[in-house]
C-alpha cells in the first residue's frame, strides 16, 4: 500500500514537471505544440550527453 502511494507521488511530481516544461515552451514560442515523450527523452539525452536513448533502442 505504501509503495503504491510513493510511486503515485513520484508520477504526480513528474507530471507536474512535464506540465511546467510544456508551459514554458508555449510561452517562449509562438504557440502550444505537444511534445512526444520520445522527443523529450531525445532532448534530455542530448543535453546530458548520455547514451541512454541509443542503448534502449538497441535493446528493443
C-alpha atoms as a PDB file:
ATOM      1  CA  UNK A   1       0.000   0.000   0.000  1.00  0.00           C
ATOM      2  CA  UNK A   2       2.749   2.418   0.965  1.00  0.00           C
ATOM      3  CA  UNK A   3       4.802   1.534  -2.117  1.00  0.00           C
ATOM      4  CA  UNK A   4       1.875   2.367  -4.377  1.00  0.00           C
ATOM      5  CA  UNK A   5       1.486   5.767  -2.763  1.00  0.00           C
ATOM      6  CA  UNK A   6       5.180   6.524  -3.177  1.00  0.00           C
ATOM      7  CA  UNK A   7       5.063   5.558  -6.847  1.00  0.00           C
ATOM      8  CA  UNK A   8       1.932   7.673  -7.252  1.00  0.00           C
ATOM      9  CA  UNK A   9       3.587  10.736  -5.722  1.00  0.00           C
ATOM     10  CA  UNK A  10       6.650  10.274  -7.920  1.00  0.00           C
ATOM     11  CA  UNK A  11       4.490  10.042 -11.042  1.00  0.00           C
ATOM     12  CA  UNK A  12       2.475  13.085  -9.961  1.00  0.00           C
ATOM     13  CA  UNK A  13       5.666  15.083  -9.433  1.00  0.00           C
ATOM     14  CA  UNK A  14       6.966  14.006 -12.835  1.00  0.00           C
ATOM     15  CA  UNK A  15       3.685  15.023 -14.457  1.00  0.00           C
ATOM     16  CA  UNK A  16       3.859  18.472 -12.845  1.00  0.00           C
ATOM     17  CA  UNK A  17       7.436  18.951 -14.054  1.00  0.00           C
ATOM     18  CA  UNK A  18       6.410  17.980 -17.588  1.00  0.00           C
ATOM     19  CA  UNK A  19       3.423  20.346 -17.487  1.00  0.00           C
ATOM     20  CA  UNK A  20       5.783  23.144 -16.449  1.00  0.00           C
ATOM     21  CA  UNK A  21       8.129  22.248 -19.296  1.00  0.00           C
ATOM     22  CA  UNK A  22       5.257  22.343 -21.801  1.00  0.00           C
ATOM     23  CA  UNK A  23       4.036  25.680 -20.408  1.00  0.00           C
ATOM     24  CA  UNK A  24       7.487  27.267 -20.654  1.00  0.00           C
ATOM     25  CA  UNK A  25       7.853  26.062 -24.239  1.00  0.00           C
ATOM     26  CA  UNK A  26       4.447  27.532 -25.081  1.00  0.00           C
ATOM     27  CA  UNK A  27       5.346  30.890 -23.536  1.00  0.00           C
ATOM     28  CA  UNK A  28       8.734  31.059 -25.287  1.00  0.00           C
ATOM     29  CA  UNK A  29       7.440  30.060 -28.714  1.00  0.00           C
ATOM     30  CA  UNK A  30       4.638  31.230 -30.939  1.00  0.00           C
ATOM     31  CA  UNK A  31       2.116  28.799 -29.552  1.00  0.00           C
ATOM     32  CA  UNK A  32       1.483  25.472 -27.950  1.00  0.00           C
ATOM     33  CA  UNK A  33       2.704  22.282 -29.553  1.00  0.00           C
ATOM     34  CA  UNK A  34       2.538  18.916 -27.835  1.00  0.00           C
ATOM     35  CA  UNK A  35       5.926  17.263 -27.278  1.00  0.00           C
ATOM     36  CA  UNK A  36       6.081  13.490 -27.582  1.00  0.00           C
ATOM     37  CA  UNK A  37       7.784  11.562 -24.799  1.00  0.00           C
ATOM     38  CA  UNK A  38      10.395  10.239 -27.245  1.00  0.00           C
ATOM     39  CA  UNK A  39      11.256  13.766 -28.347  1.00  0.00           C
ATOM     40  CA  UNK A  40      11.598  14.917 -24.738  1.00  0.00           C
ATOM     41  CA  UNK A  41      13.800  11.910 -23.978  1.00  0.00           C
ATOM     42  CA  UNK A  42      15.956  12.749 -27.019  1.00  0.00           C
ATOM     43  CA  UNK A  43      16.352  16.375 -25.885  1.00  0.00           C
ATOM     44  CA  UNK A  44      17.298  15.345 -22.346  1.00  0.00           C
ATOM     45  CA  UNK A  45      19.684  12.699 -23.679  1.00  0.00           C
ATOM     46  CA  UNK A  46      21.416  15.269 -25.894  1.00  0.00           C
ATOM     47  CA  UNK A  47      21.597  17.875 -23.107  1.00  0.00           C
ATOM     48  CA  UNK A  48      23.105  15.484 -20.559  1.00  0.00           C
ATOM     49  CA  UNK A  49      25.409  13.744 -23.022  1.00  0.00           C
ATOM     50  CA  UNK A  50      24.310  10.254 -22.035  1.00  0.00           C
ATOM     51  CA  UNK A  51      23.688   7.386 -24.416  1.00  0.00           C
ATOM     52  CA  UNK A  52      20.588   6.006 -22.715  1.00  0.00           C
ATOM     53  CA  UNK A  53      18.402   6.501 -25.770  1.00  0.00           C
ATOM     54  CA  UNK A  54      20.785   4.625 -28.061  1.00  0.00           C
ATOM     55  CA  UNK A  55      21.174   1.791 -25.564  1.00  0.00           C
ATOM     56  CA  UNK A  56      17.426   1.402 -25.068  1.00  0.00           C
ATOM     57  CA  UNK A  57      16.794   1.430 -28.821  1.00  0.00           C
ATOM     58  CA  UNK A  58      19.474  -1.228 -29.315  1.00  0.00           C
ATOM     59  CA  UNK A  59      17.854  -3.438 -26.673  1.00  0.00           C
ATOM     60  CA  UNK A  60      14.399  -3.107 -28.202  1.00  0.00           C
END
